[in-house]
Amino acid sequence: VHQGRADAFVGTCRVVGLATLMALPFGILIAIYVNEYAPRAIKSAVNLTLDVLAGVPAIVIGFFVFGLIVVSYGQSAYAGAFALAVIMLPFVARATIEVLVLVPNSLREAALGVGAPRWRATLGIVLPQTIGGVLTGATLAVARVAGETAPLLFTCSLVQSGTHANPSQPVRTVPVTIFELVEQGDPTSNAMAWAAALVLIRFIL
């Protein structure tokens, strides 16, 4: 990647990777609780919350994380990843819930019938049936956040050129780099922005 832009692609991979590590386990746990354990009232409330969260504009989440983390601790890759994880969470949770609903109740009943506790039946019998759906939800969530610019402007944009491995410091990312190159206005910067956008779109696809 031309003229030091490789650091943006490395930074994007790190931030999106951290966001996935944050969102994936929490999304799966939420889905398991909602589908397997939650009373009807709580299930409806959580489903509504997930739907609302999925519709919140990314810039609003960026403001939220800025006030929650950045004001006190400064910008960092962790803050950017947390903002992206909030965006990813409803996609992972809803995809997992939809797959859990499709698991036949006969599997649960068979596990309980041979004396397995409910948590063991959920983890050992039900959850393995959902791997495909979980991976689908994770893939959709990654594609959703890989090109987000607004949350990263507030949480992870004040960085100099160069690659480092410290997630407690801001890192350069592709969406923010594209935004900065377009703002410069000269033909060379615009061409580099188009090139970076093409690589990002191919990654998402």
N, C-alpha and C. Protein backbone atom coordinates (compact mmCIF):
# COMPACT_ATOMS: atom_id res chain seq x y z
N VAL A 1 0.86 -1.16 0.00
CA VAL A 1 0.00 0.00 0.00
C VAL A 1 0.90 1.22 0.00
N HIS A 2 0.53 2.25 -0.70
CA HIS A 2 1.41 3.33 -1.11
C HIS A 2 1.65 4.35 0.00
N GLN A 3 2.91 4.82 0.15
CA GLN A 3 3.26 5.95 0.98
C GLN A 3 2.75 5.83 2.41
N GLY A 4 3.05 4.75 3.05
CA GLY A 4 2.73 4.61 4.45
C GLY A 4 1.29 4.29 4.77
N ARG A 5 0.47 3.96 3.77
CA ARG A 5 -0.93 3.67 4.06
C ARG A 5 -1.13 2.25 4.58
N ALA A 6 -0.08 1.46 4.59
CA ALA A 6 -0.21 0.11 5.16
C ALA A 6 -0.57 0.16 6.63
N ASP A 7 -0.13 1.23 7.34
CA ASP A 7 -0.46 1.32 8.75
C ASP A 7 -1.96 1.44 8.97
N ALA A 8 -2.67 2.05 8.01
CA ALA A 8 -4.12 2.17 8.14
C ALA A 8 -4.80 0.81 8.03
N PHE A 9 -4.32 -0.03 7.12
CA PHE A 9 -4.91 -1.36 6.97
C PHE A 9 -4.58 -2.25 8.17
N VAL A 10 -3.36 -2.14 8.68
CA VAL A 10 -3.01 -2.89 9.89
C VAL A 10 -3.85 -2.41 11.06
N GLY A 11 -4.02 -1.10 11.19
CA GLY A 11 -4.83 -0.56 12.27
C GLY A 11 -6.28 -0.99 12.19
N THR A 12 -6.84 -1.00 10.98
CA THR A 12 -8.22 -1.44 10.80
C THR A 12 -8.38 -2.89 11.22
N CYS A 13 -7.44 -3.74 10.81
CA CYS A 13 -7.52 -5.16 11.20
C CYS A 13 -7.47 -5.31 12.71
N ARG A 14 -6.64 -4.52 13.36
CA ARG A 14 -6.54 -4.62 14.82
C ARG A 14 -7.81 -4.14 15.50
N VAL A 15 -8.34 -3.01 15.08
CA VAL A 15 -9.53 -2.46 15.73
C VAL A 15 -10.73 -3.38 15.50
N VAL A 16 -10.91 -3.83 14.25
CA VAL A 16 -12.04 -4.71 13.95
C VAL A 16 -11.87 -6.05 14.66
N GLY A 17 -10.64 -6.55 14.74
CA GLY A 17 -10.40 -7.79 15.46
C GLY A 17 -10.73 -7.68 16.94
N LEU A 18 -10.30 -6.57 17.57
CA LEU A 18 -10.64 -6.35 18.97
C LEU A 18 -12.15 -6.22 19.16
N ALA A 19 -12.81 -5.51 18.25
CA ALA A 19 -14.26 -5.35 18.34
C ALA A 19 -14.96 -6.71 18.25
N THR A 20 -14.48 -7.57 17.36
CA THR A 20 -15.08 -8.90 17.23
C THR A 20 -14.89 -9.71 18.50
N LEU A 21 -13.70 -9.62 19.11
CA LEU A 21 -13.45 -10.34 20.37
C LEU A 21 -14.35 -9.82 21.49
N MET A 22 -14.71 -8.55 21.44
CA MET A 22 -15.62 -8.00 22.44
C MET A 22 -17.06 -8.39 22.18
N ALA A 23 -17.50 -8.26 20.93
CA ALA A 23 -18.93 -8.42 20.61
C ALA A 23 -19.36 -9.87 20.51
N LEU A 24 -18.50 -10.75 19.99
CA LEU A 24 -18.91 -12.12 19.71
C LEU A 24 -19.33 -12.88 20.96
N PRO A 25 -18.51 -12.95 22.01
CA PRO A 25 -18.95 -13.72 23.19
C PRO A 25 -20.17 -13.12 23.86
N PHE A 26 -20.23 -11.79 23.96
CA PHE A 26 -21.39 -11.16 24.60
C PHE A 26 -22.66 -11.38 23.77
N GLY A 27 -22.53 -11.30 22.45
CA GLY A 27 -23.69 -11.55 21.60
C GLY A 27 -24.21 -12.96 21.74
N ILE A 28 -23.30 -13.93 21.81
CA ILE A 28 -23.71 -15.33 21.97
C ILE A 28 -24.36 -15.55 23.34
N LEU A 29 -23.77 -14.97 24.39
CA LEU A 29 -24.34 -15.13 25.73
C LEU A 29 -25.74 -14.51 25.82
N ILE A 30 -25.90 -13.34 25.22
CA ILE A 30 -27.22 -12.71 25.21
C ILE A 30 -28.23 -13.59 24.49
N ALA A 31 -27.83 -14.14 23.34
CA ALA A 31 -28.74 -15.00 22.57
C ALA A 31 -29.12 -16.25 23.35
N ILE A 32 -28.15 -16.87 24.02
CA ILE A 32 -28.44 -18.07 24.81
C ILE A 32 -29.42 -17.74 25.93
N TYR A 33 -29.17 -16.64 26.64
CA TYR A 33 -30.07 -16.27 27.74
C TYR A 33 -31.48 -15.98 27.24
N VAL A 34 -31.56 -15.20 26.16
CA VAL A 34 -32.89 -14.80 25.65
C VAL A 34 -33.67 -16.01 25.17
N ASN A 35 -33.02 -16.92 24.46
CA ASN A 35 -33.76 -18.03 23.85
C ASN A 35 -33.97 -19.20 24.80
N GLU A 36 -33.04 -19.41 25.73
CA GLU A 36 -33.10 -20.63 26.53
C GLU A 36 -33.57 -20.40 27.96
N TYR A 37 -33.42 -19.20 28.50
CA TYR A 37 -33.66 -19.02 29.93
C TYR A 37 -34.61 -17.87 30.27
N ALA A 38 -34.66 -16.84 29.45
CA ALA A 38 -35.36 -15.61 29.83
C ALA A 38 -36.87 -15.80 29.84
N PRO A 39 -37.57 -15.22 30.82
CA PRO A 39 -39.04 -15.18 30.77
C PRO A 39 -39.50 -14.37 29.56
N ARG A 40 -40.76 -14.54 29.20
CA ARG A 40 -41.29 -13.90 28.00
C ARG A 40 -41.13 -12.38 28.04
N ALA A 41 -41.40 -11.76 29.20
CA ALA A 41 -41.32 -10.30 29.29
C ALA A 41 -39.90 -9.80 29.05
N ILE A 42 -38.93 -10.48 29.67
CA ILE A 42 -37.53 -10.09 29.48
C ILE A 42 -37.09 -10.35 28.05
N LYS A 43 -37.53 -11.46 27.47
CA LYS A 43 -37.20 -11.78 26.08
C LYS A 43 -37.68 -10.67 25.14
N SER A 44 -38.90 -10.21 25.33
CA SER A 44 -39.44 -9.15 24.49
C SER A 44 -38.65 -7.86 24.67
N ALA A 45 -38.29 -7.53 25.92
CA ALA A 45 -37.55 -6.31 26.20
C ALA A 45 -36.16 -6.35 25.56
N VAL A 46 -35.48 -7.50 25.66
CA VAL A 46 -34.14 -7.62 25.08
C VAL A 46 -34.20 -7.56 23.56
N ASN A 47 -35.18 -8.24 22.97
CA ASN A 47 -35.32 -8.18 21.51
C ASN A 47 -35.58 -6.76 21.03
N LEU A 48 -36.42 -6.02 21.76
CA LEU A 48 -36.68 -4.63 21.40
C LEU A 48 -35.40 -3.79 21.53
N THR A 49 -34.65 -4.03 22.59
CA THR A 49 -33.40 -3.29 22.79
C THR A 49 -32.41 -3.56 21.67
N LEU A 50 -32.30 -4.82 21.25
CA LEU A 50 -31.40 -5.16 20.16
C LEU A 50 -31.83 -4.50 18.85
N ASP A 51 -33.13 -4.48 18.60
CA ASP A 51 -33.64 -3.84 17.39
C ASP A 51 -33.34 -2.33 17.39
N VAL A 52 -33.55 -1.71 18.55
CA VAL A 52 -33.28 -0.27 18.65
C VAL A 52 -31.79 0.01 18.48
N LEU A 53 -30.96 -0.81 19.14
CA LEU A 53 -29.51 -0.62 19.05
C LEU A 53 -29.01 -0.78 17.63
N ALA A 54 -29.60 -1.72 16.89
CA ALA A 54 -29.20 -1.92 15.50
C ALA A 54 -29.53 -0.72 14.63
N GLY A 55 -30.53 0.07 15.04
CA GLY A 55 -30.93 1.23 14.25
C GLY A 55 -30.32 2.54 14.70
N VAL A 56 -29.53 2.54 15.78
CA VAL A 56 -28.91 3.78 16.25
C VAL A 56 -27.82 4.20 15.28
N PRO A 57 -27.79 5.46 14.84
CA PRO A 57 -26.72 5.90 13.93
C PRO A 57 -25.34 5.73 14.55
N ALA A 58 -24.38 5.39 13.71
CA ALA A 58 -23.03 5.13 14.22
C ALA A 58 -22.43 6.35 14.88
N ILE A 59 -22.75 7.54 14.38
CA ILE A 59 -22.17 8.75 14.97
C ILE A 59 -22.66 8.96 16.39
N VAL A 60 -23.90 8.53 16.69
CA VAL A 60 -24.42 8.63 18.06
C VAL A 60 -23.64 7.71 18.98
N ILE A 61 -23.33 6.51 18.51
CA ILE A 61 -22.51 5.59 19.30
C ILE A 61 -21.12 6.17 19.51
N GLY A 62 -20.58 6.84 18.48
CA GLY A 62 -19.30 7.51 18.64
C GLY A 62 -19.33 8.57 19.72
N PHE A 63 -20.39 9.40 19.75
CA PHE A 63 -20.56 10.39 20.81
C PHE A 63 -20.64 9.73 22.18
N PHE A 64 -21.39 8.62 22.25
CA PHE A 64 -21.56 7.91 23.52
C PHE A 64 -20.22 7.41 24.06
N VAL A 65 -19.44 6.76 23.20
CA VAL A 65 -18.15 6.23 23.64
C VAL A 65 -17.17 7.36 23.95
N PHE A 66 -17.27 8.46 23.20
CA PHE A 66 -16.43 9.62 23.48
C PHE A 66 -16.68 10.13 24.89
N GLY A 67 -17.95 10.28 25.26
CA GLY A 67 -18.27 10.75 26.60
C GLY A 67 -17.96 9.73 27.68
N LEU A 68 -18.10 8.43 27.35
CA LEU A 68 -17.91 7.38 28.34
C LEU A 68 -16.44 7.06 28.59
N ILE A 69 -15.63 7.06 27.53
CA ILE A 69 -14.24 6.59 27.64
C ILE A 69 -13.22 7.67 27.27
N VAL A 70 -13.41 8.29 26.11
CA VAL A 70 -12.36 9.16 25.57
C VAL A 70 -12.14 10.39 26.44
N VAL A 71 -13.21 10.97 26.98
CA VAL A 71 -13.07 12.17 27.81
C VAL A 71 -12.17 11.89 29.01
N SER A 72 -12.26 10.69 29.57
CA SER A 72 -11.48 10.36 30.76
C SER A 72 -10.12 9.75 30.45
N TYR A 73 -10.05 8.94 29.41
CA TYR A 73 -8.83 8.17 29.17
C TYR A 73 -8.13 8.51 27.85
N GLY A 74 -8.76 9.32 27.02
CA GLY A 74 -8.14 9.67 25.76
C GLY A 74 -8.47 8.66 24.66
N GLN A 75 -8.12 9.02 23.44
CA GLN A 75 -8.38 8.13 22.32
C GLN A 75 -7.45 6.92 22.34
N SER A 76 -7.96 5.79 21.85
CA SER A 76 -7.16 4.57 21.81
C SER A 76 -7.83 3.57 20.88
N ALA A 77 -7.08 2.54 20.52
CA ALA A 77 -7.65 1.46 19.73
C ALA A 77 -8.73 0.73 20.51
N TYR A 78 -8.57 0.65 21.83
CA TYR A 78 -9.59 0.02 22.66
C TYR A 78 -10.91 0.78 22.57
N ALA A 79 -10.85 2.11 22.63
CA ALA A 79 -12.07 2.91 22.55
C ALA A 79 -12.74 2.75 21.19
N GLY A 80 -11.94 2.77 20.11
CA GLY A 80 -12.51 2.55 18.78
C GLY A 80 -13.12 1.17 18.64
N ALA A 81 -12.45 0.16 19.19
CA ALA A 81 -12.98 -1.20 19.12
C ALA A 81 -14.26 -1.33 19.93
N PHE A 82 -14.33 -0.67 21.07
CA PHE A 82 -15.55 -0.73 21.88
C PHE A 82 -16.73 -0.12 21.13
N ALA A 83 -16.49 1.01 20.46
CA ALA A 83 -17.55 1.64 19.68
C ALA A 83 -18.03 0.71 18.57
N LEU A 84 -17.11 0.08 17.87
CA LEU A 84 -17.50 -0.85 16.82
C LEU A 84 -18.19 -2.08 17.39
N ALA A 85 -17.76 -2.52 18.58
CA ALA A 85 -18.39 -3.69 19.21
C ALA A 85 -19.84 -3.42 19.56
N VAL A 86 -20.14 -2.19 19.99
CA VAL A 86 -21.53 -1.82 20.29
C VAL A 86 -22.38 -1.93 19.02
N ILE A 87 -21.81 -1.52 17.89
CA ILE A 87 -22.53 -1.63 16.61
C ILE A 87 -22.71 -3.09 16.21
N MET A 88 -21.70 -3.91 16.45
CA MET A 88 -21.73 -5.31 16.05
C MET A 88 -22.67 -6.16 16.90
N LEU A 89 -22.81 -5.80 18.17
CA LEU A 89 -23.50 -6.66 19.14
C LEU A 89 -24.90 -7.09 18.70
N PRO A 90 -25.79 -6.19 18.25
CA PRO A 90 -27.13 -6.65 17.87
C PRO A 90 -27.14 -7.59 16.68
N PHE A 91 -26.19 -7.43 15.75
CA PHE A 91 -26.15 -8.32 14.59
C PHE A 91 -25.76 -9.74 15.02
N VAL A 92 -24.76 -9.85 15.88
CA VAL A 92 -24.34 -11.16 16.36
C VAL A 92 -25.44 -11.81 17.19
N ALA A 93 -26.03 -11.04 18.10
CA ALA A 93 -27.04 -11.60 18.98
C ALA A 93 -28.28 -12.04 18.22
N ARG A 94 -28.77 -11.21 17.29
CA ARG A 94 -29.99 -11.57 16.57
C ARG A 94 -29.77 -12.76 15.65
N ALA A 95 -28.61 -12.83 15.00
CA ALA A 95 -28.32 -13.99 14.15
C ALA A 95 -28.28 -15.27 14.96
N THR A 96 -27.67 -15.22 16.14
CA THR A 96 -27.58 -16.41 17.00
C THR A 96 -28.96 -16.80 17.53
N ILE A 97 -29.77 -15.81 17.90
CA ILE A 97 -31.13 -16.10 18.37
C ILE A 97 -31.92 -16.81 17.29
N GLU A 98 -31.84 -16.32 16.06
CA GLU A 98 -32.60 -16.92 14.96
C GLU A 98 -32.20 -18.37 14.74
N VAL A 99 -30.92 -18.68 14.90
CA VAL A 99 -30.47 -20.06 14.70
C VAL A 99 -30.87 -20.93 15.89
N LEU A 100 -30.81 -20.38 17.11
CA LEU A 100 -31.23 -21.15 18.28
C LEU A 100 -32.70 -21.54 18.20
N VAL A 101 -33.51 -20.67 17.63
CA VAL A 101 -34.94 -20.98 17.49
C VAL A 101 -35.14 -22.19 16.59
N LEU A 102 -34.24 -22.38 15.63
CA LEU A 102 -34.38 -23.47 14.66
C LEU A 102 -33.93 -24.82 15.22
N VAL A 103 -33.22 -24.82 16.35
CA VAL A 103 -32.77 -26.09 16.93
C VAL A 103 -33.99 -26.84 17.48
N PRO A 104 -34.22 -28.09 17.07
CA PRO A 104 -35.42 -28.82 17.52
C PRO A 104 -35.45 -29.00 19.04
N ASN A 105 -36.61 -28.83 19.63
CA ASN A 105 -36.76 -29.04 21.07
C ASN A 105 -36.49 -30.48 21.47
N SER A 106 -36.64 -31.41 20.52
CA SER A 106 -36.39 -32.82 20.84
C SER A 106 -34.95 -33.04 21.30
N LEU A 107 -34.00 -32.25 20.76
CA LEU A 107 -32.60 -32.38 21.20
C LEU A 107 -32.46 -31.95 22.66
N ARG A 108 -33.10 -30.87 23.01
CA ARG A 108 -33.04 -30.41 24.40
C ARG A 108 -33.69 -31.44 25.33
N GLU A 109 -34.86 -31.94 24.92
CA GLU A 109 -35.58 -32.90 25.75
C GLU A 109 -34.81 -34.20 25.91
N ALA A 110 -34.13 -34.63 24.84
CA ALA A 110 -33.34 -35.87 24.93
C ALA A 110 -32.19 -35.71 25.91
N ALA A 111 -31.51 -34.53 25.86
CA ALA A 111 -30.40 -34.30 26.78
C ALA A 111 -30.89 -34.23 28.22
N LEU A 112 -32.00 -33.53 28.44
CA LEU A 112 -32.55 -33.44 29.79
C LEU A 112 -33.07 -34.79 30.26
N GLY A 113 -33.56 -35.60 29.33
CA GLY A 113 -34.11 -36.90 29.67
C GLY A 113 -33.08 -37.88 30.18
N VAL A 114 -31.83 -37.74 29.74
CA VAL A 114 -30.77 -38.64 30.22
C VAL A 114 -30.07 -38.07 31.44
N GLY A 115 -30.61 -37.00 32.00
CA GLY A 115 -30.09 -36.48 33.26
C GLY A 115 -29.10 -35.35 33.14
N ALA A 116 -28.88 -34.80 31.95
CA ALA A 116 -27.94 -33.69 31.81
C ALA A 116 -28.56 -32.42 32.37
N PRO A 117 -27.80 -31.65 33.12
CA PRO A 117 -28.34 -30.36 33.58
C PRO A 117 -28.60 -29.45 32.39
N ARG A 118 -29.43 -28.44 32.61
CA ARG A 118 -29.85 -27.60 31.49
C ARG A 118 -28.68 -26.85 30.85
N TRP A 119 -27.74 -26.38 31.69
CA TRP A 119 -26.61 -25.65 31.13
C TRP A 119 -25.73 -26.56 30.29
N ARG A 120 -25.62 -27.82 30.72
CA ARG A 120 -24.81 -28.78 29.94
C ARG A 120 -25.50 -29.09 28.61
N ALA A 121 -26.82 -29.23 28.63
CA ALA A 121 -27.54 -29.48 27.39
C ALA A 121 -27.41 -28.30 26.43
N THR A 122 -27.43 -27.09 26.98
CA THR A 122 -27.32 -25.89 26.14
C THR A 122 -25.93 -25.80 25.50
N LEU A 123 -24.90 -25.98 26.32
CA LEU A 123 -23.53 -25.83 25.82
C LEU A 123 -23.08 -27.02 24.97
N GLY A 124 -23.51 -28.22 25.36
CA GLY A 124 -23.02 -29.41 24.67
C GLY A 124 -23.86 -29.88 23.51
N ILE A 125 -25.16 -29.57 23.51
CA ILE A 125 -26.05 -30.07 22.47
C ILE A 125 -26.60 -28.95 21.59
N VAL A 126 -27.12 -27.90 22.22
CA VAL A 126 -27.81 -26.86 21.45
C VAL A 126 -26.81 -25.94 20.75
N LEU A 127 -25.84 -25.41 21.50
CA LEU A 127 -24.93 -24.42 20.94
C LEU A 127 -24.13 -24.92 19.74
N PRO A 128 -23.61 -26.16 19.76
CA PRO A 128 -22.89 -26.62 18.57
C PRO A 128 -23.72 -26.63 17.29
N GLN A 129 -25.04 -26.68 17.42
CA GLN A 129 -25.90 -26.67 16.23
C GLN A 129 -25.98 -25.28 15.59
N THR A 130 -25.48 -24.27 16.29
CA THR A 130 -25.64 -22.89 15.83
C THR A 130 -24.36 -22.29 15.24
N ILE A 131 -23.32 -23.10 15.09
CA ILE A 131 -22.02 -22.56 14.67
C ILE A 131 -22.15 -21.80 13.34
N GLY A 132 -22.86 -22.37 12.39
CA GLY A 132 -23.02 -21.71 11.10
C GLY A 132 -23.69 -20.36 11.22
N GLY A 133 -24.75 -20.29 12.01
CA GLY A 133 -25.44 -19.02 12.21
C GLY A 133 -24.59 -18.00 12.93
N VAL A 134 -23.81 -18.45 13.92
CA VAL A 134 -22.93 -17.54 14.64
C VAL A 134 -21.88 -16.95 13.70
N LEU A 135 -21.29 -17.80 12.86
CA LEU A 135 -20.29 -17.32 11.91
C LEU A 135 -20.91 -16.36 10.90
N THR A 136 -22.14 -16.64 10.48
CA THR A 136 -22.83 -15.73 9.57
C THR A 136 -23.05 -14.38 10.22
N GLY A 137 -23.54 -14.39 11.47
CA GLY A 137 -23.75 -13.14 12.18
C GLY A 137 -22.46 -12.36 12.37
N ALA A 138 -21.38 -13.08 12.70
CA ALA A 138 -20.09 -12.40 12.89
C ALA A 138 -19.60 -11.80 11.58
N THR A 139 -19.77 -12.52 10.48
CA THR A 139 -19.34 -12.01 9.18
C THR A 139 -20.12 -10.76 8.79
N LEU A 140 -21.44 -10.79 8.98
CA LEU A 140 -22.26 -9.62 8.68
C LEU A 140 -21.88 -8.44 9.57
N ALA A 141 -21.60 -8.72 10.84
CA ALA A 141 -21.23 -7.65 11.75
C ALA A 141 -19.89 -7.02 11.36
N VAL A 142 -18.91 -7.84 10.99
CA VAL A 142 -17.62 -7.31 10.55
C VAL A 142 -17.78 -6.46 9.30
N ALA A 143 -18.57 -6.95 8.35
CA ALA A 143 -18.82 -6.18 7.13
C ALA A 143 -19.52 -4.87 7.45
N ARG A 144 -20.36 -4.87 8.48
CA ARG A 144 -21.10 -3.66 8.86
C ARG A 144 -20.17 -2.59 9.42
N VAL A 145 -19.17 -2.98 10.20
CA VAL A 145 -18.35 -1.98 10.90
C VAL A 145 -17.03 -1.68 10.20
N ALA A 146 -16.62 -2.51 9.24
CA ALA A 146 -15.30 -2.34 8.64
C ALA A 146 -15.15 -0.98 7.96
N GLY A 147 -16.23 -0.42 7.45
CA GLY A 147 -16.15 0.86 6.77
C GLY A 147 -16.65 2.04 7.57
N GLU A 148 -16.92 1.85 8.87
CA GLU A 148 -17.45 2.94 9.69
C GLU A 148 -16.37 3.99 9.95
N THR A 149 -16.73 5.23 9.72
CA THR A 149 -15.81 6.35 9.94
C THR A 149 -16.17 7.16 11.18
N ALA A 150 -17.46 7.48 11.35
CA ALA A 150 -17.88 8.41 12.40
C ALA A 150 -17.44 8.00 13.80
N PRO A 151 -17.66 6.73 14.22
CA PRO A 151 -17.24 6.39 15.59
C PRO A 151 -15.73 6.51 15.78
N LEU A 152 -14.97 6.19 14.74
CA LEU A 152 -13.51 6.22 14.86
C LEU A 152 -12.97 7.64 14.89
N LEU A 153 -13.68 8.58 14.26
CA LEU A 153 -13.25 9.98 14.33
C LEU A 153 -13.23 10.47 15.77
N PHE A 154 -14.19 10.00 16.58
CA PHE A 154 -14.29 10.44 17.97
C PHE A 154 -13.41 9.62 18.91
N THR A 155 -13.02 8.44 18.52
CA THR A 155 -12.39 7.52 19.47
C THR A 155 -10.97 7.10 19.12
N CYS A 156 -10.57 7.24 17.84
CA CYS A 156 -9.29 6.62 17.44
C CYS A 156 -8.69 7.30 16.21
N SER A 157 -8.69 8.62 16.15
CA SER A 157 -8.24 9.30 14.94
C SER A 157 -7.04 10.22 15.14
N LEU A 158 -6.72 10.58 16.37
CA LEU A 158 -5.61 11.51 16.63
C LEU A 158 -4.31 10.73 16.72
N VAL A 159 -3.76 10.39 15.56
CA VAL A 159 -2.59 9.51 15.52
C VAL A 159 -1.66 9.97 14.41
N GLN A 160 -0.36 9.82 14.64
CA GLN A 160 0.63 10.10 13.62
C GLN A 160 0.84 8.87 12.75
N SER A 161 1.46 9.06 11.57
CA SER A 161 1.73 7.93 10.69
C SER A 161 2.69 6.96 11.38
N GLY A 162 2.52 5.70 11.07
CA GLY A 162 3.37 4.67 11.64
C GLY A 162 2.54 3.57 12.26
N THR A 163 3.14 2.39 12.36
CA THR A 163 2.46 1.22 12.89
C THR A 163 3.03 0.89 14.26
N HIS A 164 2.16 0.65 15.22
CA HIS A 164 2.60 0.21 16.54
C HIS A 164 1.60 -0.82 17.05
N ALA A 165 2.01 -1.54 18.08
CA ALA A 165 1.20 -2.65 18.56
C ALA A 165 0.53 -2.35 19.89
N ASN A 166 0.48 -1.09 20.29
CA ASN A 166 -0.08 -0.73 21.59
C ASN A 166 -1.54 -0.31 21.43
N PRO A 167 -2.50 -1.16 21.83
CA PRO A 167 -3.91 -0.81 21.64
C PRO A 167 -4.41 0.27 22.58
N SER A 168 -3.60 0.68 23.55
CA SER A 168 -4.01 1.77 24.43
C SER A 168 -3.74 3.13 23.80
N GLN A 169 -3.15 3.13 22.61
CA GLN A 169 -2.90 4.35 21.84
C GLN A 169 -3.76 4.34 20.58
N PRO A 170 -4.07 5.52 20.01
CA PRO A 170 -4.83 5.54 18.75
C PRO A 170 -4.05 4.88 17.63
N VAL A 171 -4.75 4.29 16.69
CA VAL A 171 -4.13 3.71 15.50
C VAL A 171 -4.84 4.26 14.27
N ARG A 172 -4.10 4.35 13.19
CA ARG A 172 -4.69 4.83 11.94
C ARG A 172 -5.55 3.73 11.34
N THR A 173 -6.71 4.11 10.80
CA THR A 173 -7.64 3.17 10.20
C THR A 173 -7.99 3.60 8.78
N VAL A 174 -8.43 2.65 7.98
CA VAL A 174 -8.71 2.93 6.57
C VAL A 174 -9.86 3.94 6.39
N PRO A 175 -11.01 3.78 7.05
CA PRO A 175 -12.09 4.75 6.82
C PRO A 175 -11.69 6.19 7.15
N VAL A 176 -11.01 6.38 8.27
CA VAL A 176 -10.58 7.73 8.65
C VAL A 176 -9.54 8.25 7.68
N THR A 177 -8.64 7.37 7.21
CA THR A 177 -7.63 7.78 6.24
C THR A 177 -8.27 8.21 4.93
N ILE A 178 -9.27 7.47 4.48
CA ILE A 178 -10.00 7.86 3.26
C ILE A 178 -10.63 9.23 3.44
N PHE A 179 -11.26 9.46 4.59
CA PHE A 179 -11.89 10.75 4.88
C PHE A 179 -10.85 11.87 4.83
N GLU A 180 -9.69 11.65 5.44
CA GLU A 180 -8.66 12.68 5.46
C GLU A 180 -8.10 12.95 4.06
N LEU A 181 -7.91 11.90 3.26
CA LEU A 181 -7.38 12.08 1.91
C LEU A 181 -8.36 12.83 1.02
N VAL A 182 -9.65 12.52 1.15
CA VAL A 182 -10.66 13.23 0.36
C VAL A 182 -10.71 14.70 0.74
N GLU A 183 -10.54 15.00 2.03
CA GLU A 183 -10.60 16.38 2.50
C GLU A 183 -9.43 17.21 1.98
N GLN A 184 -8.30 16.57 1.65
CA GLN A 184 -7.14 17.32 1.16
C GLN A 184 -7.38 17.92 -0.22
N GLY A 185 -8.12 17.24 -1.06
CA GLY A 185 -8.58 17.83 -2.31
C GLY A 185 -7.64 17.75 -3.49
N ASP A 186 -6.36 17.42 -3.31
CA ASP A 186 -5.47 17.35 -4.47
C ASP A 186 -5.64 16.01 -5.18
N PRO A 187 -5.35 15.96 -6.49
CA PRO A 187 -5.60 14.73 -7.27
C PRO A 187 -4.87 13.50 -6.73
N THR A 188 -3.64 13.67 -6.25
CA THR A 188 -2.90 12.50 -5.74
C THR A 188 -3.59 11.91 -4.52
N SER A 189 -4.01 12.78 -3.60
CA SER A 189 -4.70 12.30 -2.40
C SER A 189 -6.03 11.66 -2.76
N ASN A 190 -6.75 12.25 -3.69
CA ASN A 190 -8.03 11.67 -4.13
C ASN A 190 -7.83 10.28 -4.74
N ALA A 191 -6.76 10.14 -5.55
CA ALA A 191 -6.49 8.84 -6.16
C ALA A 191 -6.16 7.81 -5.09
N MET A 192 -5.40 8.21 -4.06
CA MET A 192 -5.08 7.28 -2.98
C MET A 192 -6.33 6.92 -2.18
N ALA A 193 -7.23 7.89 -2.03
CA ALA A 193 -8.49 7.60 -1.33
C ALA A 193 -9.32 6.58 -2.10
N TRP A 194 -9.39 6.74 -3.42
CA TRP A 194 -10.14 5.78 -4.24
C TRP A 194 -9.50 4.40 -4.16
N ALA A 195 -8.17 4.34 -4.17
CA ALA A 195 -7.49 3.04 -4.08
C ALA A 195 -7.76 2.37 -2.74
N ALA A 196 -7.68 3.14 -1.66
CA ALA A 196 -7.96 2.57 -0.33
C ALA A 196 -9.41 2.12 -0.23
N ALA A 197 -10.33 2.90 -0.82
CA ALA A 197 -11.74 2.52 -0.79
C ALA A 197 -11.98 1.23 -1.56
N LEU A 198 -11.29 1.06 -2.68
CA LEU A 198 -11.44 -0.15 -3.48
C LEU A 198 -10.98 -1.38 -2.69
N VAL A 199 -9.84 -1.26 -2.03
CA VAL A 199 -9.34 -2.39 -1.23
C VAL A 199 -10.30 -2.70 -0.08
N LEU A 200 -10.84 -1.66 0.57
CA LEU A 200 -11.77 -1.87 1.67
C LEU A 200 -13.04 -2.55 1.20
N ILE A 201 -13.59 -2.12 0.06
CA ILE A 201 -14.80 -2.73 -0.47
C ILE A 201 -14.55 -4.19 -0.83
N ARG A 202 -13.40 -4.48 -1.42
CA ARG A 202 -13.09 -5.87 -1.76
C ARG A 202 -12.98 -6.72 -0.52
N PHE A 203 -12.42 -6.16 0.56
CA PHE A 203 -12.33 -6.90 1.82
C PHE A 203 -13.72 -7.19 2.36
N ILE A 204 -14.61 -6.18 2.33
CA ILE A 204 -15.96 -6.37 2.84
C ILE A 204 -16.71 -7.42 2.02
N LEU A 205 -16.58 -7.34 0.70
CA LEU A 205 -17.26 -8.32 -0.16
C LEU A 205 -16.73 -9.72 0.07
